[in-house]
Structure formats: C-alpha cells, structure tokens
Amino acid sequence: MQYRNLGKWGLKVSEISLGSWMTELNGLGAAEIARQCIRAAYDAGVNFFDCADAYSGGEAEKFLGSTLRDYKRSSYIVSSKVFFPVGRGPNDWGLSRKHIMDQIDNSLKNMKLDYLDLYFCHRFDPTTPIEETLQALSDLVAQGKILYYGVSEWSPVQISKALTVIQQLHLRPLSVIQPQYNMIDRFIEDEILQLCTENGIGIVPFSPLAQGLLTGKYRKGQPLPAGSRATHQADRQINNLLTDDNLDKVDRLSQIAKELDVPLSVLALSWILRLPQVSSVITGASVPEQFEMNVAASGFKIPADALDEIEKILNYHPFVRRIG
C-alpha cells in the first residue's frame, strides 16, 4: 500500500480506502463478512475508513467503531458525514449549527471515539447560511472533536463561496472534498479539480467503479449477474448506467486491462489515482477477496500509450449535471 498527503496537509492516507455506504449488516453472517472486509483492508495497509451518520440509521458507525477498536487509534483515519435526516424533527437534518453539534456528538458516541479525523458535509444546505455551517465546523476543529473538515457533493460555485467565507472570517481551512468520480462520471475535471489544485484541497472520490459497471461483471447482451446490485438496488443507479454506449466502453476497457494483465477494477482505480490531486479512492467490498483484488491498484501505473487509448475510448466532453 502506498500513501499520499491529504492535499497540501500533513495527514497521510492510503491510496485505497474502505467506505461503509454499502455495508450489509442484515442477514445470516452478513456482519461477520463485513467485519472480515474491514480487517482485510487494515491488514492490506488501508488506514482510511469512511462512514456517515445516515448509513444504516447509525448502525454502520457503531459497527465500524466496534471493529476498529481492535487497532491502535493512531494507526487509522476515520470519517463521517452530516446532512441527511436522522429523525423526524425539524432540526434532525441539514447543516445548522445545532444539527452539526448534535450529530458530531452522536457520531463520536456511536463509534466510541474521542475525535474524528475527517468530517464531511454530505450535501449543501440551502436553508442554512453557509457562514453558520463553516463556523460550526471550524469550532469543532478548535474543540478537537474533528481534525479536518470538508464537503462531499457540492457544486463548484458552492465550494468557491465556502473558500471565500473561510478566508473572510479567518476560519479553519476546508481541507478535503469527497465527490463522485470515475471513468464514466468526470464532472469534477471541469472546475472542481482546479479549485482543489489552487487551494491544496485533497480529493477522496467515492463510487470509483461506477456502481459496479467498471468491474466488467455487466456485459452487453447478457443477463444481469444473479445477486448483483442491478438486481436489487432500490434507486436503480447502476441500472441507469447500463446503456449500450457504456457497455461498449466497458468491453474496450476490459481489453486494455487484459493486455496489462490486471482486472478491470484495478485499471479503473489506478486511472483515478493518475491524478496527483486525488489523495485516496474510497472503495466498497461485499467480500474480503474483492477488496484484496482492488488493493493492487495502489502503486500501479498505467503506461502512457494505454492512457491515451483510454481517453479515446471514454471520449469525454464537459457537461453539466445536478449536484446532490
């Protein structure tokens, strides 16, 4: 495993990290498999584990915290996020000072930790002044409850406004963003990447395999693999990606991966790591073996000619999409 700085900051994070969004805790043996995934990641050199207060109604935080307690606290980095509803009350969601202060304490309680290394605003809250949100996060850093803070799915304009407010109010800096980024969704390359470069902000992308599309398991003209995400995912994100154009790209990318003697997933992850602004790639895993395979992306360099061919296949053109 190789490590990178979180943007311009001193914190070192593993190039491959493990997220908890898809952690399955229900069903016979599910929790034990999830625990094995976390342990396999740690044993492979992963030191960054991502979570959120809304994942599994708080159970994901409790599970991650209980598993990581087997290890020395200084040896791992843990994050959580705040924004989505955690109850039915009017202040049980968003980025108000009250909700942020309530939820950081709840997240620390769930994980049985004294502090979080990273804390993210999951989405932008148009009902709360951005000054209120950023002041609360800055105060949490001053209190030692979090070490660094950032945002997830915010637009370039929202990030730019946050950076201006932080400078005007002399607040603790915004250090990291967690956007969606992969071969299929390159939205951050248009403006957000430059913002991060200019301000030394680390990038830790989620959904690096495009909901599983870039594993190669979904093939054009073939039935959906039994038990795959496309057969049961409620929001159908992966199903919406299974277009003929995308599946054609997967076929051609799979050929490049074969020529380089790596799985398509490793090619896709190492392609993201080609950017120096990327600090770590947040991956998921349903079984330990899946994660152990993806770890091979750390340190793997795609040859220049293969990168050129990938660009031709992807045929990327800037576009506009809704954030959040």
C-alpha atoms as a PDB file:
ATOM      1  CA  MET A   1       0.000   0.000   0.000  1.00  0.00           C
ATOM      2  CA  GLN A   2       1.204   3.490  -0.845  1.00  0.00           C
ATOM      3  CA  TYR A   3       0.167   6.679   0.930  1.00  0.00           C
ATOM      4  CA  ARG A   4      -0.464  10.261  -0.131  1.00  0.00           C
ATOM      5  CA  ASN A   5      -0.889  13.541   1.675  1.00  0.00           C
ATOM      6  CA  LEU A   6      -4.417  14.863   2.084  1.00  0.00           C
ATOM      7  CA  GLY A   7      -3.991  17.705  -0.378  1.00  0.00           C
ATOM      8  CA  LYS A   8      -1.301  20.064   0.901  1.00  0.00           C
ATOM      9  CA  TRP A   9      -1.878  18.982   4.505  1.00  0.00           C
ATOM     10  CA  GLY A  10       0.282  16.695   6.610  1.00  0.00           C
ATOM     11  CA  LEU A  11      -2.182  13.823   7.027  1.00  0.00           C
ATOM     12  CA  LYS A  12      -1.157  10.680   5.108  1.00  0.00           C
ATOM     13  CA  VAL A  13      -3.949   8.485   3.756  1.00  0.00           C
ATOM     14  CA  SER A  14      -3.781   5.133   1.988  1.00  0.00           C
ATOM     15  CA  GLU A  15      -4.305   5.356  -1.769  1.00  0.00           C
ATOM     16  CA  ILE A  16      -7.131   2.824  -1.413  1.00  0.00           C
ATOM     17  CA  SER A  17      -9.651   3.285   1.393  1.00  0.00           C
ATOM     18  CA  LEU A  18     -12.791   1.481   2.516  1.00  0.00           C
ATOM     19  CA  GLY A  19     -16.256   3.009   2.657  1.00  0.00           C
ATOM     20  CA  SER A  20     -19.323   1.880   4.584  1.00  0.00           C
ATOM     21  CA  TRP A  21     -22.141   3.010   2.290  1.00  0.00           C
ATOM     22  CA  MET A  22     -22.902  -0.488   1.026  1.00  0.00           C
ATOM     23  CA  THR A  23     -22.042  -2.316   4.257  1.00  0.00           C
ATOM     24  CA  GLU A  24     -24.657  -5.045   4.682  1.00  0.00           C
ATOM     25  CA  LEU A  25     -25.368  -5.873   8.332  1.00  0.00           C
ATOM     26  CA  ASN A  26     -28.617  -7.795   7.960  1.00  0.00           C
ATOM     27  CA  GLY A  27     -28.873 -11.468   7.196  1.00  0.00           C
ATOM     28  CA  LEU A  28     -27.093 -14.609   8.269  1.00  0.00           C
ATOM     29  CA  GLY A  29     -23.374 -13.995   8.561  1.00  0.00           C
ATOM     30  CA  ALA A  30     -23.544 -10.543   6.936  1.00  0.00           C
ATOM     31  CA  ALA A  31     -21.993  -8.716   9.885  1.00  0.00           C
ATOM     32  CA  GLU A  32     -19.123 -11.183  10.092  1.00  0.00           C
ATOM     33  CA  ILE A  33     -18.367 -10.797   6.384  1.00  0.00           C
ATOM     34  CA  ALA A  34     -18.399  -7.008   6.773  1.00  0.00           C
ATOM     35  CA  ARG A  35     -16.030  -7.308   9.727  1.00  0.00           C
ATOM     36  CA  GLN A  36     -13.714  -9.503   7.676  1.00  0.00           C
ATOM     37  CA  CYS A  37     -13.668  -6.850   4.919  1.00  0.00           C
ATOM     38  CA  ILE A  38     -12.563  -4.174   7.391  1.00  0.00           C
ATOM     39  CA  ARG A  39      -9.877  -6.433   8.813  1.00  0.00           C
ATOM     40  CA  ALA A  40      -8.667  -7.441   5.358  1.00  0.00           C
ATOM     41  CA  ALA A  41      -8.411  -3.771   4.433  1.00  0.00           C
ATOM     42  CA  TYR A  42      -6.453  -2.918   7.573  1.00  0.00           C
ATOM     43  CA  ASP A  43      -4.124  -5.871   7.062  1.00  0.00           C
ATOM     44  CA  ALA A  44      -3.517  -4.689   3.486  1.00  0.00           C
ATOM     45  CA  GLY A  45      -2.331  -1.314   4.743  1.00  0.00           C
ATOM     46  CA  VAL A  46      -5.549   0.690   4.473  1.00  0.00           C
ATOM     47  CA  ASN A  47      -5.630   3.400   7.131  1.00  0.00           C
ATOM     48  CA  PHE A  48      -8.694   5.391   5.984  1.00  0.00           C
ATOM     49  CA  PHE A  49     -12.237   4.195   6.726  1.00  0.00           C
ATOM     50  CA  ASP A  50     -15.200   6.311   5.642  1.00  0.00           C
ATOM     51  CA  CYS A  51     -18.713   6.347   7.112  1.00  0.00           C
ATOM     52  CA  ALA A  52     -21.742   8.634   7.644  1.00  0.00           C
ATOM     53  CA  ASP A  53     -24.326   9.190  10.356  1.00  0.00           C
ATOM     54  CA  ALA A  54     -27.164   8.243   7.990  1.00  0.00           C
ATOM     55  CA  TYR A  55     -25.717   4.913   6.841  1.00  0.00           C
ATOM     56  CA  SER A  56     -27.935   2.094   8.129  1.00  0.00           C
ATOM     57  CA  GLY A  57     -29.569   4.508  10.560  1.00  0.00           C
ATOM     58  CA  GLY A  58     -26.370   4.910  12.575  1.00  0.00           C
ATOM     59  CA  GLU A  59     -25.650   1.193  12.756  1.00  0.00           C
ATOM     60  CA  ALA A  60     -22.803   1.497  10.238  1.00  0.00           C
ATOM     61  CA  GLU A  61     -20.994   3.939  12.528  1.00  0.00           C
ATOM     62  CA  LYS A  62     -21.448   1.641  15.511  1.00  0.00           C
ATOM     63  CA  PHE A  63     -20.236  -1.364  13.535  1.00  0.00           C
ATOM     64  CA  LEU A  64     -17.190   0.408  12.115  1.00  0.00           C
ATOM     65  CA  GLY A  65     -16.230   1.784  15.508  1.00  0.00           C
ATOM     66  CA  SER A  66     -16.571  -1.578  17.236  1.00  0.00           C
ATOM     67  CA  THR A  67     -14.376  -3.277  14.617  1.00  0.00           C
ATOM     68  CA  LEU A  68     -11.675  -0.598  14.581  1.00  0.00           C
ATOM     69  CA  ARG A  69     -11.363  -0.773  18.363  1.00  0.00           C
ATOM     70  CA  ASP A  70      -9.171  -3.833  17.819  1.00  0.00           C
ATOM     71  CA  TYR A  71      -6.482  -1.488  16.482  1.00  0.00           C
ATOM     72  CA  LYS A  72      -4.377   1.339  17.851  1.00  0.00           C
ATOM     73  CA  ARG A  73      -6.256   4.630  17.387  1.00  0.00           C
ATOM     74  CA  SER A  74      -3.276   6.444  15.883  1.00  0.00           C
ATOM     75  CA  SER A  75      -2.968   3.774  13.168  1.00  0.00           C
ATOM     76  CA  TYR A  76      -6.221   4.583  11.342  1.00  0.00           C
ATOM     77  CA  ILE A  77      -8.199   7.523   9.999  1.00  0.00           C
ATOM     78  CA  VAL A  78     -11.964   7.542  10.299  1.00  0.00           C
ATOM     79  CA  SER A  79     -14.509   9.929   8.819  1.00  0.00           C
ATOM     80  CA  SER A  80     -18.216  10.576   8.991  1.00  0.00           C
ATOM     81  CA  LYS A  81     -20.685  12.923   7.342  1.00  0.00           C
ATOM     82  CA  VAL A  82     -23.624  15.099   8.341  1.00  0.00           C
ATOM     83  CA  PHE A  83     -26.691  16.407   6.479  1.00  0.00           C
ATOM     84  CA  PHE A  84     -29.289  13.728   5.780  1.00  0.00           C
ATOM     85  CA  PRO A  85     -32.246  13.175   8.147  1.00  0.00           C
ATOM     86  CA  VAL A  86     -31.596  11.095  11.253  1.00  0.00           C
ATOM     87  CA  GLY A  87     -35.054  11.644  12.726  1.00  0.00           C
ATOM     88  CA  ARG A  88     -38.418  13.291  12.077  1.00  0.00           C
ATOM     89  CA  GLY A  89     -37.810  16.574  13.874  1.00  0.00           C
ATOM     90  CA  PRO A  90     -37.297  19.896  12.035  1.00  0.00           C
ATOM     91  CA  ASN A  91     -33.692  20.059  13.261  1.00  0.00           C
ATOM     92  CA  ASP A  92     -32.859  16.415  12.575  1.00  0.00           C
ATOM     93  CA  TRP A  93     -31.241  17.186   9.220  1.00  0.00           C
ATOM     94  CA  GLY A  94     -29.206  19.832   7.419  1.00  0.00           C
ATOM     95  CA  LEU A  95     -26.158  21.887   8.297  1.00  0.00           C
ATOM     96  CA  SER A  96     -27.371  24.186  11.052  1.00  0.00           C
ATOM     97  CA  ARG A  97     -25.040  24.710  13.997  1.00  0.00           C
ATOM     98  CA  LYS A  98     -27.470  22.808  16.199  1.00  0.00           C
ATOM     99  CA  HIS A  99     -27.666  19.766  13.949  1.00  0.00           C
ATOM    100  CA  ILE A 100     -23.904  19.661  13.368  1.00  0.00           C
ATOM    101  CA  MET A 101     -23.151  19.894  17.102  1.00  0.00           C
ATOM    102  CA  ASP A 102     -25.765  17.266  17.929  1.00  0.00           C
ATOM    103  CA  GLN A 103     -24.571  14.873  15.258  1.00  0.00           C
ATOM    104  CA  ILE A 104     -20.851  15.077  15.890  1.00  0.00           C
ATOM    105  CA  ASP A 105     -21.517  14.066  19.488  1.00  0.00           C
ATOM    106  CA  ASN A 106     -23.800  11.271  18.317  1.00  0.00           C
ATOM    107  CA  SER A 107     -21.248  10.014  15.780  1.00  0.00           C
ATOM    108  CA  LEU A 108     -18.492  10.013  18.402  1.00  0.00           C
ATOM    109  CA  LYS A 109     -20.802   8.140  20.755  1.00  0.00           C
ATOM    110  CA  ASN A 110     -21.694   5.602  18.065  1.00  0.00           C
ATOM    111  CA  MET A 111     -18.043   4.936  17.266  1.00  0.00           C
ATOM    112  CA  LYS A 112     -16.853   5.312  20.869  1.00  0.00           C
ATOM    113  CA  LEU A 113     -14.156   7.741  19.748  1.00  0.00           C
ATOM    114  CA  ASP A 114     -12.817  10.984  21.188  1.00  0.00           C
ATOM    115  CA  TYR A 115     -12.430  12.600  17.774  1.00  0.00           C
ATOM    116  CA  LEU A 116     -12.959  12.058  14.027  1.00  0.00           C
ATOM    117  CA  ASP A 117     -10.068  12.584  11.655  1.00  0.00           C
ATOM    118  CA  LEU A 118     -12.311  13.863   8.839  1.00  0.00           C
ATOM    119  CA  TYR A 119     -15.840  15.271   8.898  1.00  0.00           C
ATOM    120  CA  PHE A 120     -17.828  15.985   5.725  1.00  0.00           C
ATOM    121  CA  CYS A 121     -20.918  17.999   4.859  1.00  0.00           C
ATOM    122  CA  HIS A 122     -22.753  15.309   2.890  1.00  0.00           C
ATOM    123  CA  ARG A 123     -24.727  17.808   0.777  1.00  0.00           C
ATOM    124  CA  PHE A 124     -25.220  21.591   0.600  1.00  0.00           C
ATOM    125  CA  ASP A 125     -27.963  23.040   2.805  1.00  0.00           C
ATOM    126  CA  PRO A 126     -29.762  25.967   1.129  1.00  0.00           C
ATOM    127  CA  THR A 127     -31.806  26.598   4.303  1.00  0.00           C
ATOM    128  CA  THR A 128     -28.764  27.499   6.430  1.00  0.00           C
ATOM    129  CA  PRO A 129     -26.313  30.394   5.920  1.00  0.00           C
ATOM    130  CA  ILE A 130     -23.001  28.979   4.776  1.00  0.00           C
ATOM    131  CA  GLU A 131     -21.287  31.158   7.392  1.00  0.00           C
ATOM    132  CA  GLU A 132     -23.147  29.299  10.148  1.00  0.00           C
ATOM    133  CA  THR A 133     -22.113  25.908   8.806  1.00  0.00           C
ATOM    134  CA  LEU A 134     -18.453  26.784   8.311  1.00  0.00           C
ATOM    135  CA  GLN A 135     -18.163  28.488  11.702  1.00  0.00           C
ATOM    136  CA  ALA A 136     -19.559  25.376  13.394  1.00  0.00           C
ATOM    137  CA  LEU A 137     -17.070  23.124  11.579  1.00  0.00           C
ATOM    138  CA  SER A 138     -14.194  25.469  12.386  1.00  0.00           C
ATOM    139  CA  ASP A 139     -15.236  25.426  16.032  1.00  0.00           C
ATOM    140  CA  LEU A 140     -15.234  21.623  16.056  1.00  0.00           C
ATOM    141  CA  VAL A 141     -11.628  21.669  14.860  1.00  0.00           C
ATOM    142  CA  ALA A 142     -10.754  24.138  17.626  1.00  0.00           C
ATOM    143  CA  GLN A 143     -12.504  21.864  20.154  1.00  0.00           C
ATOM    144  CA  GLY A 144     -10.543  18.836  18.971  1.00  0.00           C
ATOM    145  CA  LYS A 145     -13.646  16.866  18.022  1.00  0.00           C
ATOM    146  CA  ILE A 146     -12.553  16.761  14.375  1.00  0.00           C
ATOM    147  CA  LEU A 147      -9.107  17.270  12.836  1.00  0.00           C
ATOM    148  CA  TYR A 148     -10.028  18.198   9.262  1.00  0.00           C
ATOM    149  CA  TYR A 149     -13.310  19.004   7.549  1.00  0.00           C
ATOM    150  CA  GLY A 150     -14.618  19.044   4.015  1.00  0.00           C
ATOM    151  CA  VAL A 151     -17.639  18.619   1.775  1.00  0.00           C
ATOM    152  CA  SER A 152     -18.994  15.871  -0.432  1.00  0.00           C
ATOM    153  CA  GLU A 153     -21.398  16.616  -3.287  1.00  0.00           C
ATOM    154  CA  TRP A 154     -21.136  20.414  -3.516  1.00  0.00           C
ATOM    155  CA  SER A 155     -21.099  22.385  -6.764  1.00  0.00           C
ATOM    156  CA  PRO A 156     -18.093  24.452  -7.885  1.00  0.00           C
ATOM    157  CA  VAL A 157     -19.952  27.663  -7.004  1.00  0.00           C
ATOM    158  CA  GLN A 158     -20.778  26.382  -3.512  1.00  0.00           C
ATOM    159  CA  ILE A 159     -17.182  25.314  -2.890  1.00  0.00           C
ATOM    160  CA  SER A 160     -15.880  28.658  -4.154  1.00  0.00           C
ATOM    161  CA  LYS A 161     -18.249  30.541  -1.868  1.00  0.00           C
ATOM    162  CA  ALA A 162     -17.142  28.426   1.095  1.00  0.00           C
ATOM    163  CA  LEU A 163     -13.472  29.179   0.400  1.00  0.00           C
ATOM    164  CA  THR A 164     -14.230  32.910   0.242  1.00  0.00           C
ATOM    165  CA  VAL A 165     -16.169  32.874   3.523  1.00  0.00           C
ATOM    166  CA  ILE A 166     -13.422  30.901   5.243  1.00  0.00           C
ATOM    167  CA  GLN A 167     -10.864  33.490   4.198  1.00  0.00           C
ATOM    168  CA  GLN A 168     -13.056  36.440   5.180  1.00  0.00           C
ATOM    169  CA  LEU A 169     -13.880  35.047   8.639  1.00  0.00           C
ATOM    170  CA  HIS A 170     -10.400  33.581   9.252  1.00  0.00           C
ATOM    171  CA  LEU A 171     -11.814  30.110   9.856  1.00  0.00           C
ATOM    172  CA  ARG A 172     -10.037  26.765   9.923  1.00  0.00           C
ATOM    173  CA  PRO A 173      -9.460  25.641   6.320  1.00  0.00           C
ATOM    174  CA  LEU A 174     -11.563  23.342   4.186  1.00  0.00           C
ATOM    175  CA  SER A 175      -9.105  20.507   3.604  1.00  0.00           C
ATOM    176  CA  VAL A 176     -10.839  17.774   1.598  1.00  0.00           C
ATOM    177  CA  ILE A 177     -13.735  17.019  -0.744  1.00  0.00           C
ATOM    178  CA  GLN A 178     -15.462  13.702  -1.389  1.00  0.00           C
ATOM    179  CA  PRO A 179     -17.092  13.845  -4.837  1.00  0.00           C
ATOM    180  CA  GLN A 180     -18.259  11.134  -7.179  1.00  0.00           C
ATOM    181  CA  TYR A 181     -15.563  10.442  -9.759  1.00  0.00           C
ATOM    182  CA  ASN A 182     -14.868   7.592 -12.138  1.00  0.00           C
ATOM    183  CA  MET A 183     -14.251   6.848 -15.816  1.00  0.00           C
ATOM    184  CA  ILE A 184     -17.929   7.374 -16.615  1.00  0.00           C
ATOM    185  CA  ASP A 185     -18.533  10.466 -14.438  1.00  0.00           C
ATOM    186  CA  ARG A 186     -15.692  13.002 -14.871  1.00  0.00           C
ATOM    187  CA  PHE A 187     -17.676  16.066 -13.811  1.00  0.00           C
ATOM    188  CA  ILE A 188     -15.069  17.275 -11.290  1.00  0.00           C
ATOM    189  CA  GLU A 189     -12.452  17.715 -14.026  1.00  0.00           C
ATOM    190  CA  ASP A 190     -14.230  20.777 -15.438  1.00  0.00           C
ATOM    191  CA  GLU A 191     -13.936  23.190 -12.466  1.00  0.00           C
ATOM    192  CA  ILE A 192     -13.663  21.410  -9.111  1.00  0.00           C
ATOM    193  CA  LEU A 193     -10.272  19.877  -9.881  1.00  0.00           C
ATOM    194  CA  GLN A 194      -8.765  23.313 -10.488  1.00  0.00           C
ATOM    195  CA  LEU A 195     -10.290  24.683  -7.272  1.00  0.00           C
ATOM    196  CA  CYS A 196      -8.683  21.865  -5.324  1.00  0.00           C
ATOM    197  CA  THR A 197      -5.333  22.377  -7.027  1.00  0.00           C
ATOM    198  CA  GLU A 198      -5.273  26.103  -6.268  1.00  0.00           C
ATOM    199  CA  ASN A 199      -6.255  25.635  -2.615  1.00  0.00           C
ATOM    200  CA  GLY A 200      -4.387  22.446  -1.743  1.00  0.00           C
ATOM    201  CA  ILE A 201      -7.609  20.531  -1.103  1.00  0.00           C
ATOM    202  CA  GLY A 202      -7.375  16.743  -1.104  1.00  0.00           C
ATOM    203  CA  ILE A 203      -9.837  14.699  -3.160  1.00  0.00           C
ATOM    204  CA  VAL A 204     -11.156  11.335  -1.919  1.00  0.00           C
ATOM    205  CA  PRO A 205     -13.637  10.152  -4.586  1.00  0.00           C
ATOM    206  CA  PHE A 206     -16.489   7.731  -3.983  1.00  0.00           C
ATOM    207  CA  SER A 207     -18.155   5.387  -6.492  1.00  0.00           C
ATOM    208  CA  PRO A 208     -14.855   4.812  -8.330  1.00  0.00           C
ATOM    209  CA  LEU A 209     -16.225   1.743 -10.129  1.00  0.00           C
ATOM    210  CA  ALA A 210     -19.462   3.450 -11.219  1.00  0.00           C
ATOM    211  CA  GLN A 211     -21.755   1.318  -9.084  1.00  0.00           C
ATOM    212  CA  GLY A 212     -20.005  -1.845 -10.293  1.00  0.00           C
ATOM    213  CA  LEU A 213     -20.157  -1.070 -14.016  1.00  0.00           C
ATOM    214  CA  LEU A 214     -16.350  -0.865 -14.157  1.00  0.00           C
ATOM    215  CA  THR A 215     -15.830  -4.304 -12.666  1.00  0.00           C
ATOM    216  CA  GLY A 216     -16.785  -5.853 -16.007  1.00  0.00           C
ATOM    217  CA  LYS A 217     -19.492  -8.038 -14.496  1.00  0.00           C
ATOM    218  CA  TYR A 218     -22.201  -6.413 -16.637  1.00  0.00           C
ATOM    219  CA  ARG A 219     -21.848  -7.283 -20.326  1.00  0.00           C
ATOM    220  CA  LYS A 220     -23.837  -6.231 -23.342  1.00  0.00           C
ATOM    221  CA  GLY A 221     -26.455  -8.760 -24.421  1.00  0.00           C
ATOM    222  CA  GLN A 222     -26.024 -10.880 -21.296  1.00  0.00           C
ATOM    223  CA  PRO A 223     -28.428 -11.275 -18.346  1.00  0.00           C
ATOM    224  CA  LEU A 224     -27.761  -9.417 -15.106  1.00  0.00           C
ATOM    225  CA  PRO A 225     -25.499 -11.468 -12.795  1.00  0.00           C
ATOM    226  CA  ALA A 226     -27.500 -13.168 -10.048  1.00  0.00           C
ATOM    227  CA  GLY A 227     -27.327 -11.260  -6.773  1.00  0.00           C
ATOM    228  CA  SER A 228     -25.629  -8.229  -8.345  1.00  0.00           C
ATOM    229  CA  ARG A 229     -26.539  -4.687  -7.352  1.00  0.00           C
ATOM    230  CA  ALA A 230     -28.538  -4.241 -10.551  1.00  0.00           C
ATOM    231  CA  THR A 231     -30.978  -6.958  -9.418  1.00  0.00           C
ATOM    232  CA  HIS A 232     -31.931  -5.346  -6.116  1.00  0.00           C
ATOM    233  CA  GLN A 233     -30.700  -1.733  -5.732  1.00  0.00           C
ATOM    234  CA  ALA A 234     -33.714   0.391  -4.832  1.00  0.00           C
ATOM    235  CA  ASP A 235     -32.592   3.636  -6.502  1.00  0.00           C
ATOM    236  CA  ARG A 236     -31.504   1.790  -9.676  1.00  0.00           C
ATOM    237  CA  GLN A 237     -28.324   3.879 -10.047  1.00  0.00           C
ATOM    238  CA  ILE A 238     -26.436   1.021 -11.648  1.00  0.00           C
ATOM    239  CA  ASN A 239     -29.351   0.132 -13.931  1.00  0.00           C
ATOM    240  CA  ASN A 240     -29.353   3.685 -15.299  1.00  0.00           C
ATOM    241  CA  LEU A 241     -25.679   3.247 -16.223  1.00  0.00           C
ATOM    242  CA  LEU A 242     -26.208   0.039 -18.201  1.00  0.00           C
ATOM    243  CA  THR A 243     -26.553   1.755 -21.567  1.00  0.00           C
ATOM    244  CA  ASP A 244     -25.246   0.280 -24.808  1.00  0.00           C
ATOM    245  CA  ASP A 245     -22.682   3.071 -25.051  1.00  0.00           C
ATOM    246  CA  ASN A 246     -21.325   2.441 -21.541  1.00  0.00           C
ATOM    247  CA  LEU A 247     -21.262  -1.327 -22.020  1.00  0.00           C
ATOM    248  CA  ASP A 248     -19.368  -0.868 -25.289  1.00  0.00           C
ATOM    249  CA  LYS A 249     -16.811   1.223 -23.401  1.00  0.00           C
ATOM    250  CA  VAL A 250     -16.508  -1.482 -20.739  1.00  0.00           C
ATOM    251  CA  ASP A 251     -15.778  -4.095 -23.423  1.00  0.00           C
ATOM    252  CA  ARG A 252     -12.977  -1.978 -24.893  1.00  0.00           C
ATOM    253  CA  LEU A 253     -11.581  -1.058 -21.463  1.00  0.00           C
ATOM    254  CA  SER A 254     -11.622  -4.733 -20.496  1.00  0.00           C
ATOM    255  CA  GLN A 255      -9.374  -5.458 -23.462  1.00  0.00           C
ATOM    256  CA  ILE A 256      -6.842  -2.879 -22.257  1.00  0.00           C
ATOM    257  CA  ALA A 257      -6.964  -4.371 -18.757  1.00  0.00           C
ATOM    258  CA  LYS A 258      -6.362  -7.814 -20.240  1.00  0.00           C
ATOM    259  CA  GLU A 259      -3.358  -6.558 -22.189  1.00  0.00           C
ATOM    260  CA  LEU A 260      -1.937  -5.043 -18.968  1.00  0.00           C
ATOM    261  CA  ASP A 261      -2.712  -8.274 -17.080  1.00  0.00           C
ATOM    262  CA  VAL A 262      -4.868  -6.595 -14.415  1.00  0.00           C
ATOM    263  CA  PRO A 263      -8.582  -6.794 -13.553  1.00  0.00           C
ATOM    264  CA  LEU A 264     -10.742  -4.026 -14.996  1.00  0.00           C
ATOM    265  CA  SER A 265     -11.421  -2.763 -11.459  1.00  0.00           C
ATOM    266  CA  VAL A 266      -7.690  -2.268 -10.874  1.00  0.00           C
ATOM    267  CA  LEU A 267      -7.403  -0.379 -14.163  1.00  0.00           C
ATOM    268  CA  ALA A 268     -10.336   1.863 -13.196  1.00  0.00           C
ATOM    269  CA  LEU A 269      -8.969   2.612  -9.718  1.00  0.00           C
ATOM    270  CA  SER A 270      -5.419   3.278 -10.880  1.00  0.00           C
ATOM    271  CA  TRP A 271      -6.820   5.543 -13.621  1.00  0.00           C
ATOM    272  CA  ILE A 272      -8.304   7.750 -10.870  1.00  0.00           C
ATOM    273  CA  LEU A 273      -5.008   7.690  -8.969  1.00  0.00           C
ATOM    274  CA  ARG A 274      -3.264   9.075 -12.069  1.00  0.00           C
ATOM    275  CA  LEU A 275      -4.315  12.491 -10.755  1.00  0.00           C
ATOM    276  CA  PRO A 276      -1.954  13.868  -8.083  1.00  0.00           C
ATOM    277  CA  GLN A 277      -4.862  15.813  -6.570  1.00  0.00           C
ATOM    278  CA  VAL A 278      -6.511  12.520  -5.588  1.00  0.00           C
ATOM    279  CA  SER A 279      -5.421  11.522  -2.088  1.00  0.00           C
ATOM    280  CA  SER A 280      -7.362   8.281  -1.707  1.00  0.00           C
ATOM    281  CA  VAL A 281     -10.037   6.332  -3.579  1.00  0.00           C
ATOM    282  CA  ILE A 282     -12.973   5.170  -1.454  1.00  0.00           C
ATOM    283  CA  THR A 283     -13.937   1.640  -2.439  1.00  0.00           C
ATOM    284  CA  GLY A 284     -16.571  -0.801  -1.252  1.00  0.00           C
ATOM    285  CA  ALA A 285     -16.409  -4.548  -0.877  1.00  0.00           C
ATOM    286  CA  SER A 286     -19.000  -7.248  -0.276  1.00  0.00           C
ATOM    287  CA  VAL A 287     -16.377  -9.932   0.418  1.00  0.00           C
ATOM    288  CA  PRO A 288     -12.732  -9.666   1.554  1.00  0.00           C
ATOM    289  CA  GLU A 289     -11.409 -11.194  -1.673  1.00  0.00           C
ATOM    290  CA  GLN A 290     -12.970  -8.397  -3.685  1.00  0.00           C
ATOM    291  CA  PHE A 291     -11.171  -5.771  -1.657  1.00  0.00           C
ATOM    292  CA  GLU A 292      -7.859  -7.624  -1.712  1.00  0.00           C
ATOM    293  CA  MET A 293      -8.003  -7.564  -5.515  1.00  0.00           C
ATOM    294  CA  ASN A 294      -8.670  -3.819  -5.652  1.00  0.00           C
ATOM    295  CA  VAL A 295      -5.713  -3.042  -3.380  1.00  0.00           C
ATOM    296  CA  ALA A 296      -3.447  -3.947  -6.307  1.00  0.00           C
ATOM    297  CA  ALA A 297      -4.347  -0.545  -7.819  1.00  0.00           C
ATOM    298  CA  SER A 298      -2.129   1.204  -5.263  1.00  0.00           C
ATOM    299  CA  GLY A 299       1.186   1.912  -6.954  1.00  0.00           C
ATOM    300  CA  PHE A 300       0.090   0.525 -10.331  1.00  0.00           C
ATOM    301  CA  LYS A 301       0.996   2.955 -13.107  1.00  0.00           C
ATOM    302  CA  ILE A 302      -0.885   2.811 -16.396  1.00  0.00           C
ATOM    303  CA  PRO A 303       1.522   3.187 -19.344  1.00  0.00           C
ATOM    304  CA  ALA A 304       1.212   6.417 -21.325  1.00  0.00           C
ATOM    305  CA  ASP A 305       0.064   4.675 -24.509  1.00  0.00           C
ATOM    306  CA  ALA A 306      -2.683   2.863 -22.586  1.00  0.00           C
ATOM    307  CA  LEU A 307      -3.796   6.163 -21.019  1.00  0.00           C
ATOM    308  CA  ASP A 308      -4.049   7.672 -24.496  1.00  0.00           C
ATOM    309  CA  GLU A 309      -6.167   4.740 -25.676  1.00  0.00           C
ATOM    310  CA  ILE A 310      -8.417   5.029 -22.610  1.00  0.00           C
ATOM    311  CA  GLU A 311      -9.013   8.712 -23.395  1.00  0.00           C
ATOM    312  CA  LYS A 312     -10.102   7.777 -26.912  1.00  0.00           C
ATOM    313  CA  ILE A 313     -12.490   5.154 -25.556  1.00  0.00           C
ATOM    314  CA  LEU A 314     -14.028   7.425 -22.942  1.00  0.00           C
ATOM    315  CA  ASN A 315     -14.355  10.324 -25.408  1.00  0.00           C
ATOM    316  CA  TYR A 316     -15.095  12.743 -22.592  1.00  0.00           C
ATOM    317  CA  HIS A 317     -16.760  16.096 -23.179  1.00  0.00           C
ATOM    318  CA  PRO A 318     -17.575  18.579 -20.403  1.00  0.00           C
ATOM    319  CA  PHE A 319     -21.186  18.514 -19.313  1.00  0.00           C
ATOM    320  CA  VAL A 320     -23.474  19.903 -16.647  1.00  0.00           C
ATOM    321  CA  ARG A 321     -25.238  17.738 -14.094  1.00  0.00           C
ATOM    322  CA  ARG A 322     -27.158  18.339 -10.912  1.00  0.00           C
ATOM    323  CA  ILE A 323     -25.099  18.043  -7.717  1.00  0.00           C
ATOM    324  CA  GLY A 324     -26.568  16.201  -4.736  1.00  0.00           C
END
